[in-house]
């Protein structure tokens, strides 16, 4: 008879040997795969630490967290002081990542099942490429640097998941989502659930704390300094949406989660709420706390404690710009956003809802520059008709369709600067703006499409075009060709032609317009602008 004591059980497990344990793990993995489930991990290097989350994905868009781990690393203090990761921080990161690699091996997770991302600190580090290569050589983890606007997208997915249907006001009223990290602040503005603006600002707790320490020596001066930052940022945001009309104030981040756990009410298992007055009183109480007092009173790691007070002060100041009656605090991060992306990334409804948010953000950018919205929406609609009818000819996918729509919605936005050269100015505006859900390389493609929606085609001296990859240059030519034709159909900005249909013939594309109109203006526009379409696709365009 075997006695099942703790020591006896431990000895029995040890006696199995590594080969048998590996066999058990392999069998368990096969059972998961047979059930449509798999283990996945997200590993993040942030400004104040390295964090890991392990989850099981069920293949049906659902997931559940199995394990979390984190280790403070003062990476941001290096980068935001000297501009690069120090040797000491590199070695510390390597040690932590080796431990995480062993931890993941214990779960039987490796290779493509680990998503490794890095945020603001490495984004701005001068030696980030060397750092990423050294980490890959030493640990096998290949980190991708997440752009600020991508952080916004992942945070949006996480907030959307955390709120579920338990806070319907989020979808009915104007909302602000804000997260202050160590090196950057991510802000999203939503008008009745639709994206009005998304920004990644270089204004994190480490930077704020450092600048305040360098320039100021009293709590009163620090508060005045932070008030100026928030006031200037709010003036910038008010151009997109009046913050005084914001009714829902959503705050994400480690600092605010510590506060919500103490003074908030649980909305659901993923979210808390804090009354406006309760939060203001709490921040007023702690704003004189030192770093040591924050560590002692809130059990914070040293890497997070320095930014705890300034971070919550900034949240308070932003909230006071709004009409929100409470602070909504999801207990999530971009790591959960990445898990949602992995679990639900192919879900059609989620993809379409996400693409609609990109379009809403583009429309809001156009409004910021006082564009002719009716003309731009009309041209975008004609682009979509041409895109869908000529799918076999161009072979572009659903995301590229969205990129063409964005280019059409913003093709004349450069007129805000100067009408005569608006295609060049439009390229500059778009390439240097933030549109929710679009990466910088996609903005560069869209900017080039806008650049060539009129005027001469690309030339060997056009650096902005030549720096694109070959496949991207081909995309620009296809999209610009379609956009030129669509723009010609509204040459007079009157949106006269309706119910346009497309007929493909052997050598021509015939555009049929319903109604009895004088088509001379539109035909003249096609003569001026349809040459690139004929060069790219081999079809002459005729309007009847």
Protein backbone atom coordinates (compact mmCIF):
# COMPACT_ATOMS: atom_id res chain seq x y z
CA UNK A 1 0.00 0.00 0.00
CA UNK A 2 1.38 3.43 -1.01
CA UNK A 3 0.94 6.33 1.38
CA UNK A 4 0.11 9.51 -0.60
CA UNK A 5 2.14 11.96 1.45
CA UNK A 6 3.42 15.25 -0.05
CA UNK A 7 7.03 14.05 0.05
CA UNK A 8 6.08 10.67 -1.40
CA UNK A 9 4.15 12.28 -4.24
CA UNK A 10 7.03 14.62 -5.01
CA UNK A 11 9.45 11.71 -5.07
CA UNK A 12 7.13 9.75 -7.33
CA UNK A 13 6.91 12.67 -9.78
CA UNK A 14 10.69 13.15 -9.78
CA UNK A 15 11.18 9.44 -10.43
CA UNK A 16 9.15 9.61 -13.60
CA UNK A 17 12.05 11.32 -15.34
CA UNK A 18 12.08 14.07 -17.90
CA UNK A 19 11.21 11.79 -20.81
CA UNK A 20 7.94 10.62 -19.23
CA UNK A 21 6.98 14.18 -18.23
CA UNK A 22 7.65 15.30 -21.81
CA UNK A 23 5.44 12.44 -23.01
CA UNK A 24 2.62 13.55 -20.68
CA UNK A 25 2.95 17.13 -21.92
CA UNK A 26 2.92 15.97 -25.54
CA UNK A 27 -0.19 13.85 -24.91
CA UNK A 28 -1.92 16.77 -23.16
CA UNK A 29 -1.06 19.04 -26.09
CA UNK A 30 -2.53 16.52 -28.53
CA UNK A 31 -5.73 16.31 -26.47
CA UNK A 32 -6.02 20.11 -26.55
CA UNK A 33 -5.48 20.20 -30.31
CA UNK A 34 -8.05 17.46 -30.83
CA UNK A 35 -10.54 19.54 -28.83
CA UNK A 36 -9.69 22.63 -30.89
CA UNK A 37 -7.83 24.25 -28.00
CA UNK A 38 -4.27 25.52 -27.86
CA UNK A 39 -2.02 27.31 -25.42
CA UNK A 40 -0.67 30.72 -26.34
CA UNK A 41 1.42 33.33 -24.55
CA UNK A 42 1.96 37.07 -24.88
CA UNK A 43 5.27 38.46 -23.66
CA UNK A 44 5.64 42.23 -23.34
CA UNK A 45 8.65 44.44 -22.65
CA UNK A 46 7.38 47.72 -21.27
CA UNK A 47 9.02 50.81 -19.77
CA UNK A 48 8.87 49.52 -16.20
CA UNK A 49 8.92 45.74 -16.52
CA UNK A 50 8.60 42.53 -18.51
CA UNK A 51 5.23 40.81 -18.24
CA UNK A 52 3.85 37.47 -19.41
CA UNK A 53 0.34 36.11 -19.76
CA UNK A 54 -0.49 32.52 -20.71
CA UNK A 55 -3.94 31.60 -22.00
CA UNK A 56 -5.88 28.77 -23.56
CA UNK A 57 -7.65 29.56 -26.85
CA UNK A 58 -10.60 27.32 -27.69
CA UNK A 59 -10.72 27.90 -31.45
CA UNK A 60 -14.18 29.51 -31.20
CA UNK A 61 -13.10 33.05 -30.34
CA UNK A 62 -12.99 32.39 -26.58
CA UNK A 63 -9.98 32.32 -24.27
CA UNK A 64 -9.13 32.08 -20.60
CA UNK A 65 -6.00 33.15 -18.74
CA UNK A 66 -4.11 30.31 -17.07
CA UNK A 67 -1.08 32.09 -15.67
CA UNK A 68 0.52 35.52 -15.29
CA UNK A 69 4.04 36.60 -14.40
CA UNK A 70 5.95 39.86 -14.25
CA UNK A 71 9.32 41.25 -13.29
CA UNK A 72 10.20 44.94 -12.79
CA UNK A 73 12.93 46.23 -15.11
CA UNK A 74 13.79 49.94 -15.22
CA UNK A 75 14.21 50.00 -19.00
CA UNK A 76 12.39 53.28 -19.47
CA UNK A 77 14.59 55.20 -17.07
CA UNK A 78 17.60 54.27 -19.22
CA UNK A 79 16.01 55.13 -22.54
CA UNK A 80 14.35 58.38 -21.49
CA UNK A 81 17.56 59.58 -19.83
CA UNK A 82 20.30 58.53 -22.26
CA UNK A 83 18.32 57.61 -25.36
CA UNK A 84 19.31 53.95 -25.36
CA UNK A 85 19.19 50.73 -23.35
CA UNK A 86 22.21 50.42 -21.07
CA UNK A 87 24.39 47.32 -20.87
CA UNK A 88 23.17 46.66 -17.32
CA UNK A 89 19.50 46.80 -18.36
CA UNK A 90 20.18 44.57 -21.37
CA UNK A 91 21.75 41.92 -19.14
CA UNK A 92 18.89 42.20 -16.65
CA UNK A 93 16.34 41.76 -19.45
CA UNK A 94 18.20 38.72 -20.78
CA UNK A 95 18.15 37.10 -17.32
CA UNK A 96 14.41 37.70 -16.93
CA UNK A 97 13.66 36.44 -20.45
CA UNK A 98 15.67 33.26 -19.91
CA UNK A 99 13.60 32.57 -16.81
CA UNK A 100 10.40 33.20 -18.77
CA UNK A 101 11.61 30.85 -21.49
CA UNK A 102 11.97 28.08 -18.91
CA UNK A 103 8.55 28.97 -17.51
CA UNK A 104 6.99 28.67 -20.97
CA UNK A 105 8.80 25.38 -21.58
CA UNK A 106 7.15 24.06 -18.44
CA UNK A 107 3.79 24.79 -20.06
CA UNK A 108 4.91 23.22 -23.31
CA UNK A 109 4.68 26.57 -25.14
CA UNK A 110 7.22 27.75 -27.67
CA UNK A 111 7.83 28.94 -31.20
CA UNK A 112 4.84 30.47 -32.98
CA UNK A 113 2.64 30.19 -29.89
CA UNK A 114 4.55 33.04 -28.19
CA UNK A 115 3.81 36.61 -29.27
CA UNK A 116 6.62 38.88 -28.08
CA UNK A 117 6.00 42.64 -28.23
CA UNK A 118 7.79 45.76 -27.01
CA UNK A 119 6.24 49.19 -26.44
CA UNK A 120 7.30 52.80 -25.89
CA UNK A 121 10.76 52.39 -24.33
CA UNK A 122 12.18 50.27 -27.15
CA UNK A 123 10.22 52.29 -29.72
CA UNK A 124 12.43 55.31 -29.09
CA UNK A 125 15.69 53.58 -28.08
CA UNK A 126 18.54 54.31 -30.49
CA UNK A 127 19.95 50.80 -30.04
CA UNK A 128 16.63 48.96 -30.27
CA UNK A 129 17.66 46.89 -33.31
CA UNK A 130 20.81 45.69 -31.55
CA UNK A 131 18.76 44.96 -28.42
CA UNK A 132 16.15 42.93 -30.35
CA UNK A 133 18.85 40.96 -32.19
CA UNK A 134 20.77 40.18 -28.98
CA UNK A 135 17.57 39.01 -27.28
CA UNK A 136 16.75 36.76 -30.24
CA UNK A 137 20.24 35.24 -30.23
CA UNK A 138 20.27 34.65 -26.47
CA UNK A 139 16.67 33.59 -25.79
CA UNK A 140 14.99 32.75 -29.10
CA UNK A 141 12.29 35.42 -28.58
CA UNK A 142 11.80 37.66 -31.61
CA UNK A 143 10.25 40.90 -30.37
CA UNK A 144 8.23 43.17 -32.63
CA UNK A 145 8.07 46.87 -31.78
CA UNK A 146 4.44 47.93 -31.40
CA UNK A 147 3.61 51.37 -32.78
CA UNK A 148 1.63 53.73 -30.60
CA UNK A 149 -1.42 53.53 -32.84
CA UNK A 150 -1.26 49.72 -32.65
CA UNK A 151 -1.24 50.01 -28.85
CA UNK A 152 -4.46 51.99 -29.23
CA UNK A 153 -6.00 49.22 -31.32
CA UNK A 154 -5.08 46.50 -28.84
CA UNK A 155 -6.33 48.60 -25.93
CA UNK A 156 -9.62 49.24 -27.75
CA UNK A 157 -10.11 45.48 -28.20
CA UNK A 158 -9.36 44.90 -24.50
CA UNK A 159 -11.70 47.67 -23.29
CA UNK A 160 -14.46 46.45 -25.60
CA UNK A 161 -14.08 42.97 -24.14
CA UNK A 162 -13.96 44.15 -20.50
CA UNK A 163 -17.06 46.35 -20.70
CA UNK A 164 -19.11 43.71 -22.54
CA UNK A 165 -22.74 44.85 -22.42
CA UNK A 166 -22.56 45.91 -18.77
CA UNK A 167 -21.92 49.58 -19.55
CA UNK A 168 -24.21 50.53 -22.48
CA UNK A 169 -23.46 54.23 -21.99
CA UNK A 170 -20.08 53.58 -23.65
CA UNK A 171 -21.81 52.94 -26.97
CA UNK A 172 -24.44 55.69 -26.63
CA UNK A 173 -22.42 58.67 -25.41
CA UNK A 174 -19.11 60.34 -26.20
CA UNK A 175 -16.22 58.50 -24.57
CA UNK A 176 -12.55 58.95 -23.82
CA UNK A 177 -10.16 56.04 -23.29
CA UNK A 178 -6.78 56.90 -21.80
CA UNK A 179 -3.78 54.90 -20.60
CA UNK A 180 -0.63 56.50 -19.22
CA UNK A 181 2.31 54.15 -19.49
CA UNK A 182 5.91 54.68 -18.50
CA UNK A 183 6.91 56.30 -21.77
CA UNK A 184 3.72 57.24 -23.63
CA UNK A 185 0.07 58.11 -23.20
CA UNK A 186 -2.50 56.46 -25.44
CA UNK A 187 -5.75 58.38 -25.97
CA UNK A 188 -8.85 57.46 -27.95
CA UNK A 189 -11.94 59.60 -28.44
CA UNK A 190 -15.20 57.94 -29.48
CA UNK A 191 -18.34 59.70 -30.62
CA UNK A 192 -21.25 57.38 -29.72
CA UNK A 193 -19.04 54.33 -30.07
CA UNK A 194 -17.37 55.45 -33.32
CA UNK A 195 -13.73 56.45 -33.38
CA UNK A 196 -13.24 60.22 -33.50
CA UNK A 197 -9.51 60.28 -32.83
CA UNK A 198 -6.62 58.13 -31.67
CA UNK A 199 -3.26 59.44 -30.49
CA UNK A 200 -0.05 58.17 -28.96
CA UNK A 201 1.62 61.02 -27.05
CA UNK A 202 5.18 60.97 -25.71
CA UNK A 203 3.99 61.74 -22.22
CA UNK A 204 4.51 58.83 -19.82
CA UNK A 205 4.89 58.68 -16.05
CA UNK A 206 8.67 58.24 -16.24
CA UNK A 207 9.07 61.27 -18.50
CA UNK A 208 6.68 63.36 -16.41
CA UNK A 209 8.38 62.41 -13.15
CA UNK A 210 11.86 63.06 -14.57
CA UNK A 211 10.99 66.44 -16.09
CA UNK A 212 9.19 67.51 -12.93
CA UNK A 213 12.24 66.58 -10.81
CA UNK A 214 14.65 68.40 -13.11
CA UNK A 215 12.69 71.63 -13.38
CA UNK A 216 10.65 71.83 -10.18
CA UNK A 217 11.15 71.33 -6.48
CA UNK A 218 7.68 71.47 -4.89
CA UNK A 219 4.36 69.65 -5.13
CA UNK A 220 2.62 72.92 -6.03
CA UNK A 221 5.00 73.55 -8.95
CA UNK A 222 4.57 69.95 -10.11
CA UNK A 223 0.78 70.29 -10.09
CA UNK A 224 1.00 73.51 -12.10
CA UNK A 225 3.36 71.83 -14.57
CA UNK A 226 1.01 68.86 -15.04
CA UNK A 227 -1.99 71.18 -15.39
CA UNK A 228 -0.25 72.98 -18.25
CA UNK A 229 0.46 69.67 -20.01
CA UNK A 230 -3.16 68.53 -19.69
CA UNK A 231 -4.56 71.93 -20.71
CA UNK A 232 -2.41 72.07 -23.87
CA UNK A 233 -3.25 68.47 -24.78
CA UNK A 234 -6.97 69.10 -24.16
CA UNK A 235 -6.94 72.09 -26.53
CA UNK A 236 -5.49 69.80 -29.19
CA UNK A 237 -8.10 67.08 -28.51
CA UNK A 238 -10.99 69.57 -28.45
CA UNK A 239 -10.40 70.17 -32.16
CA UNK A 240 -11.58 66.58 -32.72
CA UNK A 241 -14.27 66.35 -30.06
CA UNK A 242 -15.41 68.71 -27.33
CA UNK A 243 -14.20 67.05 -24.13
CA UNK A 244 -16.91 68.79 -22.12
CA UNK A 245 -19.40 66.52 -23.94
CA UNK A 246 -17.59 63.33 -22.87
CA UNK A 247 -19.80 61.27 -20.56
CA UNK A 248 -17.74 58.08 -20.29
CA UNK A 249 -14.15 58.27 -19.01
CA UNK A 250 -12.30 54.95 -19.34
CA UNK A 251 -8.86 54.62 -17.77
CA UNK A 252 -6.51 51.66 -18.22
CA UNK A 253 -3.13 50.98 -16.64
CA UNK A 254 -1.43 49.56 -13.57
CA UNK A 255 -1.68 52.75 -11.49
CA UNK A 256 -5.43 53.14 -11.80
CA UNK A 257 -6.08 49.42 -11.25
CA UNK A 258 -4.39 49.67 -7.85
CA UNK A 259 -6.70 52.57 -7.02
CA UNK A 260 -9.86 50.83 -8.30
CA UNK A 261 -9.15 47.75 -6.20
CA UNK A 262 -9.22 49.98 -3.09
CA UNK A 263 -12.00 52.51 -3.69
CA UNK A 264 -13.93 51.22 -6.74
CA UNK A 265 -17.05 49.11 -7.23
CA UNK A 266 -16.97 45.95 -9.32
CA UNK A 267 -18.95 46.28 -12.56
CA UNK A 268 -18.10 42.73 -13.67
CA UNK A 269 -15.17 40.36 -13.27
CA UNK A 270 -13.12 42.47 -15.72
CA UNK A 271 -14.05 46.01 -14.73
CA UNK A 272 -14.52 48.51 -11.85
CA UNK A 273 -16.08 51.94 -11.58
CA UNK A 274 -15.06 54.81 -9.27
CA UNK A 275 -17.33 57.76 -8.52
CA UNK A 276 -15.96 61.07 -9.79
CA UNK A 277 -15.86 62.79 -6.39
CA UNK A 278 -14.38 59.72 -4.70
CA UNK A 279 -11.54 59.61 -7.22
CA UNK A 280 -10.83 63.35 -6.94
CA UNK A 281 -10.69 63.12 -3.14
CA UNK A 282 -8.36 60.12 -3.32
CA UNK A 283 -5.93 61.89 -5.65
CA UNK A 284 -5.96 65.02 -3.49
CA UNK A 285 -5.09 62.81 -0.51
CA UNK A 286 -2.10 61.06 -2.14
CA UNK A 287 -0.60 63.90 -4.16
CA UNK A 288 1.86 64.68 -1.40
CA UNK A 289 3.05 61.06 -1.05
CA UNK A 290 6.70 60.24 -1.63
CA UNK A 291 7.87 57.21 -3.61
CA UNK A 292 8.57 55.32 -0.38
CA UNK A 293 5.07 56.09 0.92
CA UNK A 294 3.56 54.77 -2.31
CA UNK A 295 5.56 51.56 -1.99
CA UNK A 296 4.55 51.14 1.66
CA UNK A 297 0.86 52.09 1.35
CA UNK A 298 0.02 50.46 -1.99
CA UNK A 299 2.57 47.60 -2.12
CA UNK A 300 3.92 48.82 -5.45
CA UNK A 301 7.24 47.72 -6.97
CA UNK A 302 9.84 50.48 -7.02
CA UNK A 303 9.74 50.68 -10.84
CA UNK A 304 6.03 51.64 -10.72
CA UNK A 305 5.96 53.68 -7.52
CA UNK A 306 7.70 56.78 -8.89
CA UNK A 307 4.98 57.39 -11.47
CA UNK A 308 2.02 56.48 -9.28
CA UNK A 309 1.19 59.98 -8.03
CA UNK A 310 1.85 61.95 -11.26
CA UNK A 311 -0.03 59.32 -13.29
CA UNK A 312 -3.16 59.55 -11.17
CA UNK A 313 -2.88 63.35 -11.07
CA UNK A 314 -2.94 63.42 -14.89
CA UNK A 315 -5.96 61.09 -14.95
CA UNK A 316 -7.75 63.43 -12.52
CA UNK A 317 -6.91 66.52 -14.58
CA UNK A 318 -8.16 64.93 -17.79
CA UNK A 319 -11.33 63.70 -16.11
CA UNK A 320 -12.05 67.24 -14.89
CA UNK A 321 -12.07 68.33 -18.54
CA UNK A 322 -15.02 65.97 -19.14
CA UNK A 323 -18.57 65.65 -17.85
CA UNK A 324 -18.06 62.03 -16.74
CA UNK A 325 -19.76 61.08 -13.46
CA UNK A 326 -17.41 58.16 -12.85
CA UNK A 327 -14.14 56.57 -13.88
CA UNK A 328 -14.44 53.20 -15.63
CA UNK A 329 -11.40 50.98 -14.96
CA UNK A 330 -10.97 47.76 -16.98
CA UNK A 331 -8.62 45.23 -15.39
CA UNK A 332 -6.91 44.57 -18.71
CA UNK A 333 -3.88 45.60 -20.77
CA UNK A 334 -2.64 45.37 -24.34
CA UNK A 335 -1.60 41.79 -23.54
CA UNK A 336 -5.27 40.85 -23.23
CA UNK A 337 -5.88 42.86 -26.40
CA UNK A 338 -3.32 40.68 -28.17
CA UNK A 339 -5.02 37.53 -26.84
CA UNK A 340 -8.36 38.76 -28.17
CA UNK A 341 -6.70 39.43 -31.50
CA UNK A 342 -5.29 35.88 -31.54
CA UNK A 343 -8.58 34.30 -30.47
CA UNK A 344 -11.03 36.40 -32.51
CA UNK A 345 -8.87 37.81 -35.29
CA UNK A 346 -10.68 35.91 -38.03
CA UNK A 347 -14.17 36.61 -36.70
CA UNK A 348 -16.00 38.41 -39.53
CA UNK A 349 -18.22 40.60 -37.35
CA UNK A 350 -15.29 41.80 -35.25
CA UNK A 351 -13.19 42.52 -38.34
CA UNK A 352 -15.95 44.54 -39.99
CA UNK A 353 -16.62 46.49 -36.79
CA UNK A 354 -12.90 47.22 -36.51
CA UNK A 355 -12.66 48.37 -40.15
CA UNK A 356 -15.63 50.67 -39.59
CA UNK A 357 -13.72 52.29 -36.72
CA UNK A 358 -10.80 52.96 -39.06
CA UNK A 359 -13.13 54.64 -41.55
CA UNK A 360 -14.72 56.71 -38.76
CA UNK A 361 -11.26 57.87 -37.66
CA UNK A 362 -10.38 58.86 -41.26
CA UNK A 363 -13.61 60.83 -41.62
CA UNK A 364 -12.84 62.69 -38.42
CA UNK A 365 -9.37 63.56 -39.71
CA UNK A 366 -10.97 64.99 -42.86
CA UNK A 367 -13.34 67.09 -40.77
CA UNK A 368 -10.39 68.44 -38.81
CA UNK A 369 -9.05 69.87 -42.09
CA UNK A 370 -12.48 71.14 -43.23
CA UNK A 371 -12.76 68.90 -46.29
CA UNK A 372 -15.75 68.69 -48.63
CA UNK A 373 -17.35 65.69 -46.94
CA UNK A 374 -20.10 65.09 -49.51
CA UNK A 375 -17.58 65.01 -52.38
CA UNK A 376 -15.19 62.72 -50.53
CA UNK A 377 -17.90 60.28 -49.46
CA UNK A 378 -19.24 60.19 -53.02
CA UNK A 379 -15.79 59.51 -54.52
CA UNK A 380 -15.18 56.81 -51.89
CA UNK A 381 -18.51 55.16 -52.80
CA UNK A 382 -17.57 55.12 -56.51
CA UNK A 383 -14.17 53.64 -55.61
CA UNK A 384 -15.90 50.80 -53.81
CA UNK A 385 -18.18 50.13 -56.80
CA UNK A 386 -15.15 49.95 -59.11
CA UNK A 387 -13.16 47.86 -56.63
CA UNK A 388 -15.91 45.26 -56.22
CA UNK A 389 -16.70 45.06 -59.95
CA UNK A 390 -13.06 44.70 -61.00
CA UNK A 391 -11.89 42.27 -58.32
CA UNK A 392 -10.50 39.78 -60.87
CA UNK A 393 -8.43 42.52 -62.49
CA UNK A 394 -6.83 44.04 -59.38
CA UNK A 395 -6.73 41.05 -56.95
CA UNK A 396 -6.61 43.22 -53.81
CA UNK A 397 -7.93 41.98 -50.48
CA UNK A 398 -10.45 43.30 -47.93
CA UNK A 399 -7.94 45.35 -45.95
CA UNK A 400 -6.58 46.94 -49.11
CA UNK A 401 -10.16 47.79 -50.04
CA UNK A 402 -10.38 49.68 -46.75
CA UNK A 403 -7.10 51.47 -47.46
CA UNK A 404 -8.44 52.61 -50.83
CA UNK A 405 -11.58 53.88 -49.11
CA UNK A 406 -9.47 55.86 -46.64
CA UNK A 407 -7.44 57.36 -49.50
CA UNK A 408 -10.65 58.34 -51.30
CA UNK A 409 -12.11 59.89 -48.14
CA UNK A 410 -9.00 62.06 -47.74
CA UNK A 411 -7.78 62.61 -51.31
CA UNK A 412 -8.36 66.40 -51.31
CA UNK A 413 -7.52 67.01 -47.63
CA UNK A 414 -4.37 68.90 -48.67
CA UNK A 415 -6.54 71.76 -49.96
CA UNK A 416 -6.57 72.97 -46.35
CA UNK A 417 -2.96 74.07 -46.95
CA UNK A 418 -3.05 75.03 -50.64
CA UNK A 419 -5.45 74.07 -53.41
CA UNK A 420 -3.01 74.12 -56.33
CA UNK A 421 -0.68 71.48 -54.86
CA UNK A 422 -3.18 69.72 -52.64
CA UNK A 423 -2.14 66.19 -53.71
CA UNK A 424 1.37 66.74 -52.30
CA UNK A 425 0.09 68.44 -49.16
CA UNK A 426 -2.47 65.66 -48.70
CA UNK A 427 0.29 63.06 -48.81
CA UNK A 428 2.18 64.94 -46.10
CA UNK A 429 -0.88 65.34 -43.86
CA UNK A 430 -1.85 61.67 -44.01
CA UNK A 431 1.68 60.29 -43.67
CA UNK A 432 2.18 62.42 -40.55
CA UNK A 433 -1.23 61.86 -38.95
CA UNK A 434 -2.61 59.12 -36.72
CA UNK A 435 -5.57 57.12 -38.01
CA UNK A 436 -6.85 54.50 -35.61
CA UNK A 437 -5.90 50.97 -36.65
CA UNK A 438 -3.46 51.91 -39.43
CA UNK A 439 0.28 51.21 -39.23
CA UNK A 440 2.81 53.75 -40.46
CA UNK A 441 3.63 51.74 -43.60
CA UNK A 442 -0.10 51.69 -44.45
CA UNK A 443 -0.30 55.46 -43.94
CA UNK A 444 2.69 55.82 -46.28
CA UNK A 445 0.90 53.76 -48.94
CA UNK A 446 -2.31 55.77 -48.55
CA UNK A 447 -0.30 59.01 -48.66
CA UNK A 448 1.25 57.95 -51.97
CA UNK A 449 -2.18 57.06 -53.39
CA UNK A 450 -3.33 60.58 -52.51
CA UNK A 451 -0.12 62.00 -54.02
CA UNK A 452 -0.86 60.35 -57.38
CA UNK A 453 -4.65 60.79 -57.54
CA UNK A 454 -3.92 63.70 -59.90
CA UNK A 455 -0.99 65.07 -61.86
CA UNK A 456 1.89 63.07 -63.27
CA UNK A 457 2.44 59.39 -62.47
CA UNK A 458 5.42 58.36 -60.27
CA UNK A 459 8.88 59.27 -61.56
CA UNK A 460 12.40 58.00 -60.72
CA UNK A 461 12.95 61.09 -58.57
CA UNK A 462 9.94 60.54 -56.27
CA UNK A 463 11.71 59.37 -53.11
CA UNK A 464 8.51 58.82 -51.11
CA UNK A 465 7.32 56.35 -53.75
CA UNK A 466 10.66 54.64 -54.38
CA UNK A 467 11.24 53.90 -50.69
CA UNK A 468 8.17 51.63 -50.67
CA UNK A 469 8.54 47.90 -51.26
CA UNK A 470 7.89 46.66 -54.80
CA UNK A 471 4.53 45.11 -53.83
CA UNK A 472 3.54 48.35 -52.09
CA UNK A 473 4.39 50.41 -55.20
CA UNK A 474 2.13 48.16 -57.26
CA UNK A 475 -0.65 48.67 -54.71
CA UNK A 476 -0.22 52.44 -55.00
CA UNK A 477 -0.55 52.29 -58.79
CA UNK A 478 -3.69 50.12 -58.62
CA UNK A 479 -5.38 52.23 -55.96
CA UNK A 480 -4.43 55.57 -57.49
CA UNK A 481 -5.73 54.40 -60.89
CA UNK A 482 -9.13 53.53 -59.42
CA UNK A 483 -9.23 56.73 -57.35
CA UNK A 484 -8.50 58.87 -60.41
CA UNK A 485 -11.48 57.37 -62.26
CA UNK A 486 -13.79 57.78 -59.26
CA UNK A 487 -12.66 61.38 -58.74
CA UNK A 488 -13.32 62.19 -62.41
CA UNK A 489 -16.95 61.09 -61.96
CA UNK A 490 -17.46 64.04 -59.60
CA UNK A 491 -15.37 66.61 -61.43
CA UNK A 492 -17.77 69.41 -60.49
CA UNK A 493 -18.25 68.28 -56.86
CA UNK A 494 -22.00 68.08 -57.50
CA UNK A 495 -22.55 64.30 -57.09
CA UNK A 496 -24.85 64.30 -60.13
CA UNK A 497 -24.26 60.78 -61.41
CA UNK A 498 -26.20 58.08 -59.61
CA UNK A 499 -26.61 54.31 -59.82
CA UNK A 500 -23.33 53.78 -61.65
CA UNK A 501 -22.72 50.21 -62.82
CA UNK A 502 -19.63 48.65 -64.37
CA UNK A 503 -19.47 46.54 -67.53
CA UNK A 504 -16.26 44.81 -68.58
CA UNK A 505 -15.61 44.32 -72.28
CA UNK A 506 -12.60 42.94 -74.10
CA UNK A 507 -10.67 46.21 -74.18
CA UNK A 508 -12.84 48.64 -72.26
CA UNK A 509 -14.53 49.20 -68.93
CA UNK A 510 -17.89 50.83 -69.56
CA UNK A 511 -19.46 52.89 -66.78
CA UNK A 512 -23.24 53.21 -67.04
CA UNK A 513 -25.01 56.02 -65.23
CA UNK A 514 -28.75 56.09 -64.59
CA UNK A 515 -30.74 59.20 -65.52
CA UNK A 516 -30.48 61.72 -68.33
CA UNK A 517 -27.45 63.95 -67.72
CA UNK A 518 -25.03 66.04 -69.72
CA UNK A 519 -21.85 63.95 -69.24
CA UNK A 520 -19.39 66.29 -70.95
CA UNK A 521 -17.76 67.43 -67.69
CA UNK A 522 -17.28 63.88 -66.40
CA UNK A 523 -16.02 62.63 -69.79
CA UNK A 524 -13.50 65.45 -69.86
CA UNK A 525 -12.44 64.43 -66.37
CA UNK A 526 -11.94 60.83 -67.52
CA UNK A 527 -9.85 61.99 -70.47
CA UNK A 528 -7.61 63.85 -68.02
CA UNK A 529 -7.37 61.20 -65.31
CA UNK A 530 -8.09 57.71 -66.70
CA UNK A 531 -4.77 57.30 -68.50
CA UNK A 532 -3.10 55.67 -65.49
CA UNK A 533 -5.97 53.15 -65.24
CA UNK A 534 -5.40 52.15 -68.86
CA UNK A 535 -1.63 51.85 -68.29
CA UNK A 536 -2.05 49.71 -65.15
CA UNK A 537 -4.99 47.47 -66.11
CA UNK A 538 -5.01 47.69 -69.92
CA UNK A 539 -8.63 48.88 -70.15
CA UNK A 540 -9.90 52.14 -71.55
CA UNK A 541 -12.67 53.69 -69.46
CA UNK A 542 -15.85 54.88 -71.19
CA UNK A 543 -18.81 56.68 -69.58
CA UNK A 544 -22.24 56.25 -71.20
